[in-house]
Amino acid sequence: MQVPLETSFRDIARTEELENLILSRMDKIERFCDYITSGEVSLERKQSSQNTGNPFRVRITLNIPPSQKVVVDKKTPADDLDQPLATLIRESFDAAERQVKRITEKQRGEVKTHPDQEAVAIVEELRPEEEHGFLRTMDGRRIYFHQNSVTSGDFERLSVGTGVRYSEEEGVKGPQATVVQIVDKPGERPKEEPGIG
């Protein structure tokens, strides 16, 4: 995750056990989606009387580039007010994991399933300080891309005129590249030395 996970506890003691549970479940999600940009987990205990148990609420928000957001908001079930908080956290992360898997499978599926449809373009403009740039397609269209869409962390290798393959989707402000891969930037990335034989 590019920004450390934010955790907040409201009317709940912040314990090492709860923090370790949250971090371990987040690590599991990041094993199959290693480009989540930021996330937040909030735990809260709702005020209640002795007769109504201890209802909890767990909210998870994860941001996945270019513009996907995972939101899970779970509360203690009304028919099980004595459910442990750790159980609710696990159920919430299970739901978040399912959402993240759907998003990443769709994103990766577009690339793997339709490689022939990946278009070729050149980098027309770079704005490194704003972490984005624009491509010019072979048919003359201008397409926005964010640095997180560039594969292998290659944003810094880009320069105006670099040839790329990309996958495209319709964004809020028009077309945007969801995956950008360098195709003709020779000699920039260090290569492994060949073995002596």
N, C-alpha and C. Protein backbone atom coordinates (compact mmCIF):
# COMPACT_ATOMS: atom_id res chain seq x y z
N MET A 1 0.85 -1.18 0.00
CA MET A 1 0.00 0.00 0.00
C MET A 1 0.89 1.23 0.00
N GLN A 2 0.54 2.20 -0.85
CA GLN A 2 1.40 3.38 -0.98
C GLN A 2 1.35 4.28 0.25
N VAL A 3 0.18 4.35 0.87
CA VAL A 3 0.03 5.13 2.11
C VAL A 3 -0.31 4.14 3.21
N PRO A 4 0.33 4.24 4.38
CA PRO A 4 0.04 3.27 5.45
C PRO A 4 -1.45 3.22 5.79
N LEU A 5 -1.93 2.04 6.11
CA LEU A 5 -3.33 1.83 6.47
C LEU A 5 -3.68 2.66 7.70
N GLU A 6 -4.79 3.41 7.62
CA GLU A 6 -5.27 4.19 8.76
C GLU A 6 -6.25 3.33 9.55
N THR A 7 -6.08 3.29 10.86
CA THR A 7 -7.03 2.56 11.71
C THR A 7 -7.53 3.51 12.79
N SER A 8 -8.83 3.44 13.06
CA SER A 8 -9.39 4.27 14.14
C SER A 8 -10.28 3.40 15.02
N PHE A 9 -10.24 3.69 16.31
CA PHE A 9 -11.00 2.96 17.32
C PHE A 9 -11.87 3.96 18.08
N ARG A 10 -13.18 3.74 18.08
CA ARG A 10 -14.08 4.66 18.78
C ARG A 10 -14.82 3.89 19.85
N ASP A 11 -14.58 4.27 21.08
CA ASP A 11 -15.17 3.59 22.25
C ASP A 11 -14.78 2.12 22.32
N ILE A 12 -13.60 1.80 21.76
CA ILE A 12 -13.05 0.44 21.78
C ILE A 12 -11.57 0.57 22.14
N ALA A 13 -11.11 -0.27 23.04
CA ALA A 13 -9.69 -0.22 23.41
C ALA A 13 -8.84 -0.70 22.23
N ARG A 14 -7.81 0.08 21.91
CA ARG A 14 -6.89 -0.30 20.83
C ARG A 14 -5.92 -1.34 21.39
N THR A 15 -6.11 -2.60 20.99
CA THR A 15 -5.25 -3.67 21.52
C THR A 15 -4.35 -4.20 20.42
N GLU A 16 -3.25 -4.79 20.85
CA GLU A 16 -2.31 -5.39 19.90
C GLU A 16 -2.98 -6.52 19.12
N GLU A 17 -3.86 -7.27 19.82
CA GLU A 17 -4.55 -8.39 19.17
C GLU A 17 -5.43 -7.91 18.01
N LEU A 18 -6.20 -6.84 18.24
CA LEU A 18 -7.06 -6.30 17.18
C LEU A 18 -6.23 -5.72 16.04
N GLU A 19 -5.17 -4.97 16.38
CA GLU A 19 -4.33 -4.39 15.34
C GLU A 19 -3.66 -5.47 14.51
N ASN A 20 -3.17 -6.54 15.15
CA ASN A 20 -2.54 -7.63 14.41
C ASN A 20 -3.53 -8.34 13.50
N LEU A 21 -4.77 -8.51 13.97
CA LEU A 21 -5.79 -9.14 13.14
C LEU A 21 -6.05 -8.30 11.89
N ILE A 22 -6.20 -6.98 12.07
CA ILE A 22 -6.44 -6.08 10.94
C ILE A 22 -5.27 -6.13 9.96
N LEU A 23 -4.05 -6.03 10.46
CA LEU A 23 -2.87 -6.02 9.59
C LEU A 23 -2.69 -7.34 8.85
N SER A 24 -2.95 -8.46 9.54
CA SER A 24 -2.78 -9.75 8.88
C SER A 24 -3.82 -9.93 7.78
N ARG A 25 -5.04 -9.48 8.02
CA ARG A 25 -6.06 -9.60 6.98
C ARG A 25 -5.78 -8.66 5.81
N MET A 26 -5.21 -7.49 6.11
CA MET A 26 -4.85 -6.55 5.04
C MET A 26 -3.71 -7.12 4.21
N ASP A 27 -2.73 -7.76 4.88
CA ASP A 27 -1.62 -8.39 4.16
C ASP A 27 -2.15 -9.45 3.20
N LYS A 28 -3.15 -10.20 3.63
CA LYS A 28 -3.73 -11.25 2.77
C LYS A 28 -4.33 -10.63 1.50
N ILE A 29 -5.06 -9.52 1.67
CA ILE A 29 -5.65 -8.85 0.50
C ILE A 29 -4.56 -8.34 -0.43
N GLU A 30 -3.48 -7.78 0.16
CA GLU A 30 -2.42 -7.22 -0.68
C GLU A 30 -1.60 -8.28 -1.41
N ARG A 31 -1.73 -9.54 -1.00
CA ARG A 31 -1.01 -10.60 -1.72
C ARG A 31 -1.55 -10.78 -3.14
N PHE A 32 -2.83 -10.51 -3.35
CA PHE A 32 -3.34 -10.63 -4.71
C PHE A 32 -3.73 -9.28 -5.32
N CYS A 33 -3.53 -8.20 -4.59
CA CYS A 33 -3.71 -6.85 -5.17
C CYS A 33 -2.69 -5.94 -4.50
N ASP A 34 -1.49 -5.86 -5.10
CA ASP A 34 -0.39 -5.14 -4.47
C ASP A 34 -0.30 -3.67 -4.89
N TYR A 35 -1.38 -3.16 -5.50
CA TYR A 35 -1.33 -1.76 -5.92
C TYR A 35 -2.45 -0.92 -5.29
N ILE A 36 -2.97 -1.37 -4.15
CA ILE A 36 -3.93 -0.56 -3.40
C ILE A 36 -3.20 0.70 -2.93
N THR A 37 -3.80 1.87 -3.18
CA THR A 37 -3.08 3.11 -2.87
C THR A 37 -3.26 3.54 -1.42
N SER A 38 -4.45 3.34 -0.86
CA SER A 38 -4.68 3.76 0.52
C SER A 38 -5.88 3.01 1.08
N GLY A 39 -5.99 3.03 2.40
CA GLY A 39 -7.11 2.35 3.02
C GLY A 39 -7.34 2.83 4.44
N GLU A 40 -8.55 2.57 4.91
CA GLU A 40 -8.91 2.98 6.26
C GLU A 40 -9.82 1.91 6.87
N VAL A 41 -9.56 1.60 8.12
CA VAL A 41 -10.40 0.66 8.87
C VAL A 41 -10.83 1.37 10.15
N SER A 42 -12.14 1.46 10.37
CA SER A 42 -12.61 2.07 11.61
C SER A 42 -13.49 1.09 12.36
N LEU A 43 -13.24 1.01 13.66
CA LEU A 43 -14.01 0.16 14.56
C LEU A 43 -14.72 1.06 15.56
N GLU A 44 -16.00 0.76 15.81
CA GLU A 44 -16.69 1.55 16.81
C GLU A 44 -17.69 0.68 17.57
N ARG A 45 -17.86 1.04 18.83
CA ARG A 45 -18.86 0.38 19.68
C ARG A 45 -20.01 1.36 19.83
N LYS A 46 -21.20 0.90 19.50
CA LYS A 46 -22.37 1.76 19.64
C LYS A 46 -22.83 1.73 21.09
N GLN A 47 -23.28 2.85 21.59
CA GLN A 47 -23.77 2.94 22.96
C GLN A 47 -25.01 2.07 23.11
N SER A 48 -25.06 1.30 24.17
CA SER A 48 -26.21 0.41 24.37
C SER A 48 -26.42 0.16 25.85
N SER A 49 -27.57 -0.41 26.17
CA SER A 49 -27.84 -0.76 27.56
C SER A 49 -27.33 -2.17 27.81
N GLN A 50 -27.32 -2.58 29.07
CA GLN A 50 -26.83 -3.93 29.40
C GLN A 50 -27.65 -5.01 28.72
N ASN A 51 -28.93 -4.76 28.50
CA ASN A 51 -29.81 -5.79 27.95
C ASN A 51 -29.63 -5.98 26.44
N THR A 52 -28.96 -5.05 25.77
CA THR A 52 -28.87 -5.15 24.31
C THR A 52 -27.50 -5.59 23.82
N GLY A 53 -26.64 -6.03 24.72
CA GLY A 53 -25.33 -6.51 24.27
C GLY A 53 -24.41 -5.38 23.88
N ASN A 54 -23.38 -5.71 23.08
CA ASN A 54 -22.39 -4.72 22.65
C ASN A 54 -22.32 -4.66 21.13
N PRO A 55 -23.24 -3.92 20.52
CA PRO A 55 -23.19 -3.86 19.06
C PRO A 55 -21.96 -3.10 18.56
N PHE A 56 -21.29 -3.68 17.58
CA PHE A 56 -20.10 -3.07 16.99
C PHE A 56 -20.38 -2.70 15.54
N ARG A 57 -19.52 -1.85 15.02
CA ARG A 57 -19.56 -1.49 13.60
C ARG A 57 -18.14 -1.51 13.08
N VAL A 58 -17.93 -2.13 11.91
CA VAL A 58 -16.63 -2.17 11.26
C VAL A 58 -16.80 -1.58 9.86
N ARG A 59 -15.98 -0.59 9.54
CA ARG A 59 -16.03 0.03 8.21
C ARG A 59 -14.64 -0.06 7.59
N ILE A 60 -14.59 -0.57 6.36
CA ILE A 60 -13.32 -0.70 5.62
C ILE A 60 -13.48 0.05 4.30
N THR A 61 -12.51 0.91 3.99
CA THR A 61 -12.49 1.61 2.71
C THR A 61 -11.10 1.42 2.09
N LEU A 62 -11.05 0.93 0.85
CA LEU A 62 -9.79 0.72 0.15
C LEU A 62 -9.87 1.39 -1.21
N ASN A 63 -8.80 2.05 -1.61
CA ASN A 63 -8.75 2.73 -2.91
C ASN A 63 -7.82 1.96 -3.86
N ILE A 64 -8.38 1.57 -5.00
CA ILE A 64 -7.63 0.81 -6.00
C ILE A 64 -7.61 1.63 -7.28
N PRO A 65 -6.42 1.93 -7.80
CA PRO A 65 -6.36 2.73 -9.03
C PRO A 65 -6.91 1.94 -10.21
N PRO A 66 -7.42 2.62 -11.25
CA PRO A 66 -7.37 4.07 -11.35
C PRO A 66 -8.50 4.77 -10.60
N SER A 67 -9.65 4.14 -10.42
CA SER A 67 -10.75 4.89 -9.81
C SER A 67 -11.73 3.97 -9.07
N GLN A 68 -11.24 2.84 -8.58
CA GLN A 68 -12.10 1.89 -7.88
C GLN A 68 -12.02 2.09 -6.38
N LYS A 69 -13.16 1.92 -5.71
CA LYS A 69 -13.20 2.04 -4.26
C LYS A 69 -13.95 0.84 -3.71
N VAL A 70 -13.37 0.21 -2.70
CA VAL A 70 -14.02 -0.88 -1.98
C VAL A 70 -14.53 -0.31 -0.67
N VAL A 71 -15.82 -0.51 -0.39
CA VAL A 71 -16.40 -0.03 0.86
C VAL A 71 -17.18 -1.17 1.50
N VAL A 72 -16.85 -1.47 2.75
CA VAL A 72 -17.58 -2.48 3.53
C VAL A 72 -18.01 -1.80 4.82
N ASP A 73 -19.27 -1.96 5.17
CA ASP A 73 -19.80 -1.37 6.40
C ASP A 73 -20.67 -2.43 7.06
N LYS A 74 -20.13 -3.08 8.10
CA LYS A 74 -20.86 -4.18 8.76
C LYS A 74 -21.12 -3.83 10.22
N LYS A 75 -22.30 -4.27 10.68
CA LYS A 75 -22.68 -4.06 12.08
C LYS A 75 -22.99 -5.41 12.71
N THR A 76 -22.89 -5.45 14.02
CA THR A 76 -23.27 -6.66 14.75
C THR A 76 -24.70 -7.03 14.39
N PRO A 77 -24.95 -8.29 14.01
CA PRO A 77 -26.32 -8.68 13.65
C PRO A 77 -27.26 -8.50 14.85
N ALA A 78 -28.48 -8.07 14.57
CA ALA A 78 -29.46 -7.84 15.63
C ALA A 78 -29.79 -9.12 16.39
N ASP A 79 -29.66 -10.27 15.71
CA ASP A 79 -30.00 -11.53 16.38
C ASP A 79 -28.80 -12.17 17.08
N ASP A 80 -27.64 -11.45 17.07
CA ASP A 80 -26.45 -12.00 17.72
C ASP A 80 -25.62 -10.86 18.31
N LEU A 81 -26.21 -10.13 19.25
CA LEU A 81 -25.55 -8.95 19.80
C LEU A 81 -24.33 -9.27 20.64
N ASP A 82 -24.13 -10.54 20.95
CA ASP A 82 -22.94 -10.93 21.70
C ASP A 82 -21.81 -11.42 20.79
N GLN A 83 -21.98 -11.23 19.48
CA GLN A 83 -20.93 -11.65 18.54
C GLN A 83 -19.62 -10.92 18.87
N PRO A 84 -18.50 -11.65 18.97
CA PRO A 84 -17.22 -11.00 19.27
C PRO A 84 -16.80 -10.03 18.15
N LEU A 85 -16.13 -8.96 18.54
CA LEU A 85 -15.66 -7.98 17.57
C LEU A 85 -14.72 -8.63 16.56
N ALA A 86 -13.85 -9.54 17.00
CA ALA A 86 -12.91 -10.19 16.07
C ALA A 86 -13.64 -10.93 14.96
N THR A 87 -14.79 -11.54 15.28
CA THR A 87 -15.58 -12.24 14.26
C THR A 87 -16.12 -11.25 13.24
N LEU A 88 -16.61 -10.10 13.71
CA LEU A 88 -17.14 -9.08 12.81
C LEU A 88 -16.03 -8.52 11.92
N ILE A 89 -14.82 -8.36 12.47
CA ILE A 89 -13.68 -7.89 11.68
C ILE A 89 -13.37 -8.90 10.57
N ARG A 90 -13.33 -10.18 10.92
CA ARG A 90 -13.04 -11.22 9.91
C ARG A 90 -14.10 -11.23 8.80
N GLU A 91 -15.37 -11.14 9.19
CA GLU A 91 -16.45 -11.13 8.20
C GLU A 91 -16.34 -9.90 7.29
N SER A 92 -15.97 -8.77 7.88
CA SER A 92 -15.82 -7.53 7.09
C SER A 92 -14.68 -7.66 6.10
N PHE A 93 -13.55 -8.22 6.54
CA PHE A 93 -12.42 -8.40 5.63
C PHE A 93 -12.73 -9.46 4.57
N ASP A 94 -13.52 -10.48 4.91
CA ASP A 94 -13.95 -11.45 3.90
C ASP A 94 -14.73 -10.74 2.79
N ALA A 95 -15.63 -9.84 3.17
CA ALA A 95 -16.42 -9.09 2.19
C ALA A 95 -15.53 -8.17 1.36
N ALA A 96 -14.57 -7.50 2.02
CA ALA A 96 -13.65 -6.62 1.30
C ALA A 96 -12.80 -7.42 0.32
N GLU A 97 -12.34 -8.58 0.76
CA GLU A 97 -11.51 -9.44 -0.10
C GLU A 97 -12.28 -9.86 -1.35
N ARG A 98 -13.55 -10.21 -1.19
CA ARG A 98 -14.36 -10.60 -2.36
C ARG A 98 -14.48 -9.44 -3.35
N GLN A 99 -14.69 -8.22 -2.84
CA GLN A 99 -14.80 -7.06 -3.72
C GLN A 99 -13.47 -6.79 -4.44
N VAL A 100 -12.37 -6.85 -3.70
CA VAL A 100 -11.06 -6.60 -4.30
C VAL A 100 -10.77 -7.65 -5.37
N LYS A 101 -11.09 -8.90 -5.10
CA LYS A 101 -10.86 -9.96 -6.09
C LYS A 101 -11.64 -9.70 -7.37
N ARG A 102 -12.91 -9.28 -7.22
CA ARG A 102 -13.72 -8.99 -8.42
C ARG A 102 -13.09 -7.87 -9.24
N ILE A 103 -12.64 -6.82 -8.56
CA ILE A 103 -12.04 -5.68 -9.26
C ILE A 103 -10.76 -6.10 -9.97
N THR A 104 -9.86 -6.78 -9.24
CA THR A 104 -8.57 -7.14 -9.85
C THR A 104 -8.74 -8.18 -10.94
N GLU A 105 -9.68 -9.11 -10.78
CA GLU A 105 -9.91 -10.09 -11.85
C GLU A 105 -10.41 -9.40 -13.10
N LYS A 106 -11.27 -8.41 -12.93
CA LYS A 106 -11.78 -7.67 -14.09
C LYS A 106 -10.63 -6.89 -14.75
N GLN A 107 -9.82 -6.20 -13.92
CA GLN A 107 -8.72 -5.41 -14.48
C GLN A 107 -7.71 -6.31 -15.20
N ARG A 108 -7.32 -7.40 -14.56
CA ARG A 108 -6.34 -8.30 -15.17
C ARG A 108 -6.94 -9.07 -16.32
N GLY A 109 -8.23 -9.38 -16.22
CA GLY A 109 -8.91 -10.10 -17.29
C GLY A 109 -8.94 -9.30 -18.57
N GLU A 110 -9.10 -7.99 -18.47
CA GLU A 110 -9.12 -7.15 -19.67
C GLU A 110 -7.80 -7.25 -20.40
N VAL A 111 -6.72 -7.33 -19.64
CA VAL A 111 -5.41 -7.40 -20.27
C VAL A 111 -5.16 -8.80 -20.82
N LYS A 112 -5.44 -9.85 -20.03
CA LYS A 112 -5.13 -11.21 -20.44
C LYS A 112 -6.08 -11.73 -21.51
N THR A 113 -7.35 -11.36 -21.40
CA THR A 113 -8.34 -11.93 -22.30
C THR A 113 -8.29 -11.30 -23.68
N HIS A 114 -7.93 -10.04 -23.73
CA HIS A 114 -7.98 -9.32 -25.01
C HIS A 114 -6.64 -8.67 -25.36
N PRO A 115 -5.55 -9.43 -25.40
CA PRO A 115 -4.27 -8.77 -25.68
C PRO A 115 -4.23 -8.13 -27.06
N ASP A 116 -4.99 -8.67 -28.01
CA ASP A 116 -4.97 -8.10 -29.35
C ASP A 116 -5.68 -6.74 -29.39
N GLN A 117 -6.50 -6.48 -28.38
CA GLN A 117 -7.22 -5.22 -28.37
C GLN A 117 -6.43 -4.12 -27.65
N GLU A 118 -5.28 -4.47 -27.09
CA GLU A 118 -4.46 -3.44 -26.46
C GLU A 118 -3.95 -2.51 -27.55
N ALA A 119 -4.24 -1.25 -27.38
CA ALA A 119 -3.87 -0.28 -28.41
C ALA A 119 -2.43 0.17 -28.20
N VAL A 120 -1.88 0.78 -29.22
CA VAL A 120 -0.53 1.32 -29.13
C VAL A 120 -0.63 2.84 -29.21
N ALA A 121 0.14 3.50 -28.36
CA ALA A 121 0.11 4.96 -28.32
C ALA A 121 1.49 5.47 -27.94
N ILE A 122 1.64 6.79 -27.94
CA ILE A 122 2.88 7.39 -27.45
C ILE A 122 2.54 8.35 -26.32
N VAL A 123 3.51 8.55 -25.44
CA VAL A 123 3.33 9.51 -24.36
C VAL A 123 3.43 10.90 -24.97
N GLU A 124 2.36 11.67 -24.82
CA GLU A 124 2.32 13.01 -25.41
C GLU A 124 2.70 14.09 -24.39
N GLU A 125 2.31 13.86 -23.12
CA GLU A 125 2.56 14.86 -22.09
C GLU A 125 2.74 14.17 -20.75
N LEU A 126 3.69 14.64 -19.96
CA LEU A 126 3.93 14.10 -18.62
C LEU A 126 3.85 15.23 -17.60
N ARG A 127 3.19 14.93 -16.49
CA ARG A 127 3.13 15.88 -15.37
C ARG A 127 3.53 15.14 -14.11
N PRO A 128 4.84 14.87 -13.94
CA PRO A 128 5.29 14.06 -12.81
C PRO A 128 4.89 14.63 -11.45
N GLU A 129 4.88 15.95 -11.33
CA GLU A 129 4.52 16.55 -10.04
C GLU A 129 3.06 16.28 -9.69
N GLU A 130 2.23 16.01 -10.70
CA GLU A 130 0.81 15.69 -10.48
C GLU A 130 0.53 14.20 -10.65
N GLU A 131 1.60 13.43 -10.87
CA GLU A 131 1.54 11.96 -10.94
C GLU A 131 0.63 11.44 -12.06
N HIS A 132 0.60 12.17 -13.19
CA HIS A 132 -0.16 11.66 -14.33
C HIS A 132 0.40 12.20 -15.63
N GLY A 133 -0.21 11.77 -16.71
CA GLY A 133 0.19 12.21 -18.03
C GLY A 133 -0.90 11.92 -19.04
N PHE A 134 -0.56 12.11 -20.33
CA PHE A 134 -1.53 11.88 -21.39
C PHE A 134 -0.87 11.12 -22.53
N LEU A 135 -1.63 10.20 -23.10
CA LEU A 135 -1.18 9.45 -24.27
C LEU A 135 -1.84 10.03 -25.51
N ARG A 136 -1.18 9.85 -26.66
CA ARG A 136 -1.79 10.18 -27.96
C ARG A 136 -1.90 8.86 -28.71
N THR A 137 -3.13 8.47 -29.02
CA THR A 137 -3.36 7.19 -29.69
C THR A 137 -3.04 7.30 -31.17
N MET A 138 -2.95 6.15 -31.83
CA MET A 138 -2.64 6.14 -33.26
C MET A 138 -3.75 6.78 -34.08
N ASP A 139 -4.98 6.80 -33.51
CA ASP A 139 -6.07 7.47 -34.25
C ASP A 139 -6.26 8.91 -33.77
N GLY A 140 -5.28 9.44 -33.02
CA GLY A 140 -5.26 10.86 -32.68
C GLY A 140 -6.01 11.26 -31.41
N ARG A 141 -6.50 10.28 -30.64
CA ARG A 141 -7.21 10.62 -29.41
C ARG A 141 -6.22 10.87 -28.27
N ARG A 142 -6.63 11.68 -27.31
CA ARG A 142 -5.82 12.00 -26.13
C ARG A 142 -6.41 11.24 -24.94
N ILE A 143 -5.56 10.45 -24.24
CA ILE A 143 -6.04 9.61 -23.15
C ILE A 143 -5.24 9.89 -21.89
N TYR A 144 -5.95 10.13 -20.80
CA TYR A 144 -5.35 10.37 -19.48
C TYR A 144 -4.83 9.06 -18.89
N PHE A 145 -3.72 9.13 -18.15
CA PHE A 145 -3.30 7.98 -17.33
C PHE A 145 -2.66 8.48 -16.05
N HIS A 146 -2.82 7.70 -14.97
CA HIS A 146 -2.22 8.01 -13.68
C HIS A 146 -0.96 7.17 -13.52
N GLN A 147 -0.02 7.62 -12.72
CA GLN A 147 1.23 6.87 -12.57
C GLN A 147 1.00 5.46 -12.05
N ASN A 148 -0.08 5.24 -11.26
CA ASN A 148 -0.36 3.90 -10.74
C ASN A 148 -0.81 2.92 -11.82
N SER A 149 -1.18 3.44 -12.99
CA SER A 149 -1.59 2.57 -14.09
C SER A 149 -0.39 2.03 -14.87
N VAL A 150 0.79 2.60 -14.64
CA VAL A 150 1.98 2.18 -15.39
C VAL A 150 2.55 0.92 -14.75
N THR A 151 2.69 -0.14 -15.54
CA THR A 151 3.14 -1.42 -15.00
C THR A 151 4.59 -1.36 -14.54
N SER A 152 4.92 -2.25 -13.63
CA SER A 152 6.29 -2.44 -13.12
C SER A 152 6.87 -1.18 -12.48
N GLY A 153 6.03 -0.24 -12.07
CA GLY A 153 6.54 0.98 -11.45
C GLY A 153 7.38 1.81 -12.40
N ASP A 154 7.05 1.74 -13.71
CA ASP A 154 7.88 2.38 -14.74
C ASP A 154 7.54 3.83 -15.05
N PHE A 155 6.73 4.47 -14.21
CA PHE A 155 6.34 5.85 -14.51
C PHE A 155 7.55 6.76 -14.71
N GLU A 156 8.58 6.58 -13.88
CA GLU A 156 9.76 7.44 -13.98
C GLU A 156 10.57 7.19 -15.24
N ARG A 157 10.37 6.03 -15.88
CA ARG A 157 11.08 5.73 -17.13
C ARG A 157 10.44 6.40 -18.34
N LEU A 158 9.20 6.86 -18.17
CA LEU A 158 8.50 7.46 -19.31
C LEU A 158 9.09 8.81 -19.68
N SER A 159 9.04 9.10 -20.96
CA SER A 159 9.36 10.43 -21.45
C SER A 159 8.45 10.70 -22.64
N VAL A 160 8.35 11.95 -23.04
CA VAL A 160 7.50 12.28 -24.18
C VAL A 160 8.03 11.52 -25.40
N GLY A 161 7.13 10.83 -26.10
CA GLY A 161 7.52 10.04 -27.26
C GLY A 161 7.68 8.56 -26.99
N THR A 162 7.66 8.14 -25.71
CA THR A 162 7.78 6.72 -25.38
C THR A 162 6.57 5.97 -25.93
N GLY A 163 6.80 4.86 -26.59
CA GLY A 163 5.72 4.04 -27.11
C GLY A 163 5.20 3.11 -26.01
N VAL A 164 3.87 2.97 -25.94
CA VAL A 164 3.26 2.14 -24.90
C VAL A 164 2.09 1.35 -25.49
N ARG A 165 1.79 0.24 -24.79
CA ARG A 165 0.52 -0.47 -24.98
C ARG A 165 -0.36 -0.06 -23.81
N TYR A 166 -1.66 -0.03 -24.01
CA TYR A 166 -2.53 0.37 -22.92
C TYR A 166 -3.89 -0.31 -23.04
N SER A 167 -4.57 -0.41 -21.90
CA SER A 167 -5.97 -0.83 -21.86
C SER A 167 -6.76 0.38 -21.42
N GLU A 168 -7.94 0.53 -21.98
CA GLU A 168 -8.71 1.76 -21.79
C GLU A 168 -10.08 1.48 -21.20
N GLU A 169 -10.55 2.44 -20.39
CA GLU A 169 -11.94 2.40 -19.94
C GLU A 169 -12.45 3.82 -19.86
N GLU A 170 -13.76 3.96 -19.78
CA GLU A 170 -14.36 5.29 -19.69
C GLU A 170 -14.32 5.75 -18.25
N GLY A 171 -13.64 6.86 -17.99
CA GLY A 171 -13.56 7.40 -16.64
C GLY A 171 -14.59 8.49 -16.44
N VAL A 172 -14.55 9.13 -15.28
CA VAL A 172 -15.51 10.18 -14.95
C VAL A 172 -15.38 11.35 -15.92
N LYS A 173 -14.14 11.67 -16.31
CA LYS A 173 -13.91 12.82 -17.19
C LYS A 173 -13.55 12.41 -18.61
N GLY A 174 -13.87 11.19 -19.00
CA GLY A 174 -13.57 10.75 -20.36
C GLY A 174 -12.69 9.51 -20.33
N PRO A 175 -12.13 9.14 -21.50
CA PRO A 175 -11.34 7.92 -21.57
C PRO A 175 -10.07 8.01 -20.73
N GLN A 176 -9.71 6.88 -20.10
CA GLN A 176 -8.47 6.84 -19.34
C GLN A 176 -7.84 5.46 -19.51
N ALA A 177 -6.52 5.43 -19.42
CA ALA A 177 -5.78 4.18 -19.55
C ALA A 177 -5.72 3.52 -18.18
N THR A 178 -6.14 2.26 -18.10
CA THR A 178 -6.11 1.54 -16.83
C THR A 178 -4.81 0.79 -16.64
N VAL A 179 -4.18 0.38 -17.73
CA VAL A 179 -2.89 -0.30 -17.68
C VAL A 179 -2.02 0.29 -18.78
N VAL A 180 -0.82 0.74 -18.44
CA VAL A 180 0.10 1.31 -19.42
C VAL A 180 1.41 0.55 -19.32
N GLN A 181 1.87 0.00 -20.47
CA GLN A 181 3.09 -0.80 -20.47
C GLN A 181 4.03 -0.27 -21.56
N ILE A 182 5.27 -0.01 -21.17
CA ILE A 182 6.27 0.48 -22.13
C ILE A 182 6.58 -0.60 -23.15
N VAL A 183 6.61 -0.21 -24.44
CA VAL A 183 6.97 -1.18 -25.48
C VAL A 183 8.24 -0.82 -26.22
N ASP A 184 8.65 0.44 -26.21
CA ASP A 184 9.88 0.77 -26.94
C ASP A 184 10.71 1.82 -26.21
N LYS A 185 11.30 1.41 -25.11
CA LYS A 185 12.20 2.29 -24.37
C LYS A 185 13.47 1.49 -24.11
N PRO A 186 14.25 1.21 -25.14
CA PRO A 186 15.42 0.34 -24.96
C PRO A 186 16.50 0.98 -24.10
N GLY A 187 17.21 0.12 -23.41
CA GLY A 187 18.42 0.54 -22.71
C GLY A 187 18.19 1.30 -21.42
N GLU A 188 16.96 1.40 -20.95
CA GLU A 188 16.71 2.18 -19.73
C GLU A 188 16.74 1.32 -18.48
N ARG A 189 16.16 0.13 -18.54
CA ARG A 189 16.12 -0.73 -17.35
C ARG A 189 17.35 -1.60 -17.32
N PRO A 190 18.04 -1.71 -16.18
CA PRO A 190 19.22 -2.57 -16.09
C PRO A 190 18.82 -4.01 -16.36
N LYS A 191 19.64 -4.69 -17.14
CA LYS A 191 19.36 -6.09 -17.46
C LYS A 191 20.31 -6.98 -16.67
N GLU A 192 19.87 -8.20 -16.43
CA GLU A 192 20.72 -9.16 -15.71
C GLU A 192 21.90 -9.51 -16.61
N GLU A 193 23.06 -9.68 -15.97
CA GLU A 193 24.23 -10.06 -16.74
C GLU A 193 24.09 -11.52 -17.18
N PRO A 194 24.42 -11.80 -18.44
CA PRO A 194 24.32 -13.19 -18.88
C PRO A 194 25.34 -14.06 -18.17
N GLY A 195 24.97 -15.30 -17.96
CA GLY A 195 25.88 -16.24 -17.28
C GLY A 195 27.06 -16.57 -18.17
N ILE A 196 28.15 -16.89 -17.55
CA ILE A 196 29.34 -17.26 -18.31
C ILE A 196 29.26 -18.74 -18.60
N GLY A 197 29.35 -19.13 -19.84
CA GLY A 197 29.24 -20.54 -20.15
C GLY A 197 30.02 -20.81 -21.32
